[in-house]
Amino acid sequence: MPPSLISALPGFDEPIEMLRACHDRIERQCETLERLVPHLRTQGCDEAARGAAAAVLRYFTLAGPNHHADEESDLFPRLLAAATGEDAQRAAHVVASMIADHREMERLWAEIEPALATVARGAIDRLDAVLVGAFCTIYRNHIAIEETDVLALAEHVLPAAVLAEVGLAMSIRRGVEPLDDARSEGGNVP
């Protein structure tokens, strides 16, 4: 049988890899949001703009909060509990920074969301480029630190059983049975 053309996505049994995959999707949504700003100026609020706005809106309204909850409710507390010595100090510092970033992302999103929803409806043809830039920049910086510090540390200090708990909590948050994970959903689980 020939290899699948669809790359396998991590499932809830691989919560760290699933979080990394979410980061890839966040990056793509940020790229779309950034491209939308000049598109609106040059093309107006055409069908492509409305569709892009709706997709970004849907992603950051549904998947963004789930991703933050995965970290704040499940990963971060377990990481803080498991880390010892220098790892504990490092974990405490980086987790506090990540949570502060989440609040700033939520604040920025609350400013972007109404205009983006209006673009999705076709009622306006502009977005605040500075606000969009700030939102995407904080997400990119956050992802870089999370990938190099938080997720690497979690892989180092969290045993498989604890990672399984994190994965289970992630699946429950999304209303997905643990064995009916992202791979069987075609990767559409945020």
Protein backbone atom coordinates (compact mmCIF):
# COMPACT_ATOMS: atom_id res chain seq x y z
CA MET A 1 0.00 0.00 0.00
CA PRO A 2 1.43 3.44 -0.89
CA PRO A 3 2.19 5.83 1.97
CA SER A 4 -0.56 8.23 2.91
CA LEU A 5 -0.52 11.65 1.34
CA ILE A 6 -1.98 13.05 4.54
CA SER A 7 0.61 13.51 7.26
CA ALA A 8 -0.36 11.98 10.56
CA LEU A 9 -1.14 14.53 13.23
CA PRO A 10 -0.32 13.89 16.86
CA GLY A 11 -3.18 12.75 19.02
CA PHE A 12 -4.09 13.28 22.64
CA ASP A 13 -1.76 10.43 23.54
CA GLU A 14 1.07 12.80 22.52
CA PRO A 15 0.02 16.04 24.26
CA ILE A 16 3.36 17.83 23.87
CA GLU A 17 3.43 17.11 20.14
CA MET A 18 -0.21 18.13 19.90
CA LEU A 19 0.61 21.48 21.53
CA ARG A 20 3.44 21.93 19.01
CA ALA A 21 1.03 21.16 16.17
CA CYS A 22 -1.33 23.80 17.59
CA HIS A 23 1.54 26.27 17.44
CA ASP A 24 1.93 25.56 13.74
CA ARG A 25 -1.77 26.26 13.21
CA ILE A 26 -1.54 29.47 15.26
CA GLU A 27 1.37 30.60 13.08
CA ARG A 28 -0.68 29.97 9.93
CA GLN A 29 -3.66 31.88 11.33
CA CYS A 30 -1.40 34.81 12.24
CA GLU A 31 0.01 34.80 8.70
CA THR A 32 -3.53 34.88 7.30
CA LEU A 33 -4.50 37.71 9.64
CA GLU A 34 -1.43 39.73 8.62
CA ARG A 35 -2.09 39.17 4.91
CA LEU A 36 -5.69 40.24 5.41
CA VAL A 37 -4.70 43.80 6.40
CA PRO A 38 -3.20 44.82 3.01
CA HIS A 39 -5.71 42.66 1.12
CA LEU A 40 -8.53 44.72 2.58
CA ARG A 41 -6.79 47.94 1.51
CA THR A 42 -6.21 46.79 -2.06
CA GLN A 43 -9.08 44.39 -2.77
CA GLY A 44 -11.70 45.50 -0.29
CA CYS A 45 -13.91 43.15 1.63
CA ASP A 46 -14.28 40.58 -1.12
CA GLU A 47 -15.21 36.93 -0.72
CA ALA A 48 -11.60 35.92 0.00
CA ALA A 49 -11.34 38.53 2.75
CA ARG A 50 -14.62 37.51 4.33
CA GLY A 51 -13.62 33.84 4.26
CA ALA A 52 -10.17 34.53 5.72
CA ALA A 53 -11.65 36.70 8.45
CA ALA A 54 -14.20 34.03 9.33
CA ALA A 55 -11.51 31.32 9.50
CA VAL A 56 -9.20 33.37 11.73
CA LEU A 57 -12.15 34.40 13.90
CA ARG A 58 -13.27 30.79 14.29
CA TYR A 59 -9.76 29.58 15.14
CA PHE A 60 -8.95 32.17 17.79
CA THR A 61 -12.45 32.05 19.28
CA LEU A 62 -12.47 28.27 19.71
CA ALA A 63 -8.99 26.80 19.53
CA GLY A 64 -7.10 29.66 21.17
CA PRO A 65 -8.95 29.45 24.48
CA ASN A 66 -8.67 25.64 24.46
CA HIS A 67 -4.93 25.86 23.87
CA HIS A 68 -4.48 28.32 26.73
CA ALA A 69 -6.62 26.15 29.01
CA ASP A 70 -4.58 23.07 28.05
CA GLU A 71 -1.53 24.87 29.30
CA GLU A 72 -2.89 26.75 32.31
CA SER A 73 -5.18 24.05 33.68
CA ASP A 74 -3.27 20.93 32.76
CA LEU A 75 0.33 21.33 31.65
CA PHE A 76 1.62 24.22 33.77
CA PRO A 77 0.38 22.96 37.17
CA ARG A 78 1.83 19.51 36.54
CA LEU A 79 5.09 21.00 35.33
CA LEU A 80 5.37 23.19 38.43
CA ALA A 81 4.59 20.22 40.68
CA ALA A 82 7.12 17.91 39.02
CA ALA A 83 10.06 20.27 38.54
CA THR A 84 12.76 20.30 41.21
CA GLY A 85 15.90 22.31 41.89
CA GLU A 86 16.95 24.64 39.09
CA ASP A 87 14.19 23.21 36.90
CA ALA A 88 11.62 24.39 39.48
CA GLN A 89 12.97 27.94 39.41
CA ARG A 90 13.07 27.94 35.63
CA ALA A 91 9.53 26.50 35.43
CA ALA A 92 8.12 29.07 37.87
CA HIS A 93 9.64 31.94 35.91
CA VAL A 94 8.62 30.76 32.44
CA VAL A 95 5.10 29.70 33.49
CA ALA A 96 4.46 33.12 35.02
CA SER A 97 5.66 34.71 31.78
CA MET A 98 3.46 32.42 29.65
CA ILE A 99 0.36 33.21 31.71
CA ALA A 100 1.06 36.95 31.46
CA ASP A 101 1.38 36.52 27.68
CA HIS A 102 -1.97 34.71 27.59
CA ARG A 103 -3.68 37.64 29.32
CA GLU A 104 -2.09 40.12 26.88
CA MET A 105 -3.12 37.93 23.90
CA GLU A 106 -6.67 37.83 25.23
CA ARG A 107 -6.69 41.62 25.66
CA LEU A 108 -5.44 42.16 22.12
CA TRP A 109 -7.88 39.60 20.72
CA ALA A 110 -10.77 41.40 22.46
CA GLU A 111 -9.78 44.51 20.49
CA ILE A 112 -9.33 42.70 17.14
CA GLU A 113 -12.32 40.36 17.31
CA PRO A 114 -15.16 42.88 16.76
CA ALA A 115 -13.55 44.37 13.66
CA LEU A 116 -12.67 40.93 12.32
CA ALA A 117 -16.26 39.76 12.84
CA THR A 118 -17.43 42.83 10.93
CA VAL A 119 -15.03 42.02 8.09
CA ALA A 120 -16.36 38.43 8.05
CA ARG A 121 -19.87 39.86 7.60
CA GLY A 122 -18.63 42.12 4.81
CA ALA A 123 -19.50 45.33 6.64
CA ILE A 124 -16.03 46.95 6.85
CA ASP A 125 -12.88 46.77 4.78
CA ARG A 126 -10.09 47.56 7.23
CA LEU A 127 -8.28 46.21 10.25
CA ASP A 128 -5.89 48.04 12.56
CA ALA A 129 -2.46 47.00 11.24
CA VAL A 130 -0.67 47.99 14.46
CA LEU A 131 -3.05 45.94 16.57
CA VAL A 132 -2.80 42.94 14.23
CA GLY A 133 0.99 43.26 14.28
CA ALA A 134 1.11 43.38 18.07
CA PHE A 135 -1.17 40.34 18.36
CA CYS A 136 0.86 38.26 15.92
CA THR A 137 4.18 39.35 17.39
CA ILE A 138 3.26 38.39 20.93
CA TYR A 139 1.99 35.02 19.71
CA ARG A 140 5.20 34.34 17.78
CA ASN A 141 7.44 35.35 20.67
CA HIS A 142 5.32 33.30 23.05
CA ILE A 143 5.50 30.22 20.84
CA ALA A 144 9.28 30.50 20.53
CA ILE A 145 9.75 30.61 24.30
CA GLU A 146 7.17 27.93 24.90
CA GLU A 147 8.77 25.57 22.40
CA THR A 148 12.32 26.05 23.69
CA ASP A 149 11.62 26.39 27.41
CA VAL A 150 8.21 25.08 28.50
CA LEU A 151 7.67 22.10 26.23
CA ALA A 152 11.30 21.00 26.39
CA LEU A 153 11.21 21.21 30.18
CA ALA A 154 7.91 19.33 30.30
CA GLU A 155 9.39 16.53 28.20
CA HIS A 156 12.35 16.44 30.58
CA VAL A 157 10.50 16.38 33.92
CA LEU A 158 7.05 14.90 33.30
CA PRO A 159 6.70 11.13 33.36
CA ALA A 160 4.62 9.34 30.75
CA ALA A 161 1.72 8.81 33.17
CA VAL A 162 1.46 12.55 33.85
CA LEU A 163 1.64 13.34 30.13
CA ALA A 164 -1.19 10.84 29.64
CA GLU A 165 -3.25 12.80 32.20
CA VAL A 166 -2.58 16.00 30.28
CA GLY A 167 -3.66 14.35 27.02
CA LEU A 168 -6.82 12.99 28.59
CA ALA A 169 -7.74 16.40 29.98
CA MET A 170 -7.14 17.96 26.56
CA SER A 171 -9.47 15.44 24.91
CA ILE A 172 -12.17 15.93 27.54
CA ARG A 173 -11.98 19.73 27.11
CA ARG A 174 -12.83 19.24 23.44
CA GLY A 175 -15.51 16.64 24.04
CA VAL A 176 -13.50 14.00 22.19
CA GLU A 177 -13.23 10.43 23.38
CA PRO A 178 -9.57 9.65 24.16
CA LEU A 179 -9.30 7.03 21.42
CA ASP A 180 -11.25 9.20 18.97
CA ASP A 181 -8.52 11.78 18.76
CA ALA A 182 -7.28 14.33 16.21
CA ARG A 183 -6.00 11.70 13.83
CA SER A 184 -9.44 10.17 13.41
CA GLU A 185 -10.96 13.64 13.11
CA GLY A 186 -8.77 14.44 10.12
CA GLY A 187 -6.77 16.80 12.30
CA ASN A 188 -9.67 19.20 12.79
CA VAL A 189 -9.54 19.13 16.55
CA PRO A 190 -8.18 22.48 17.75
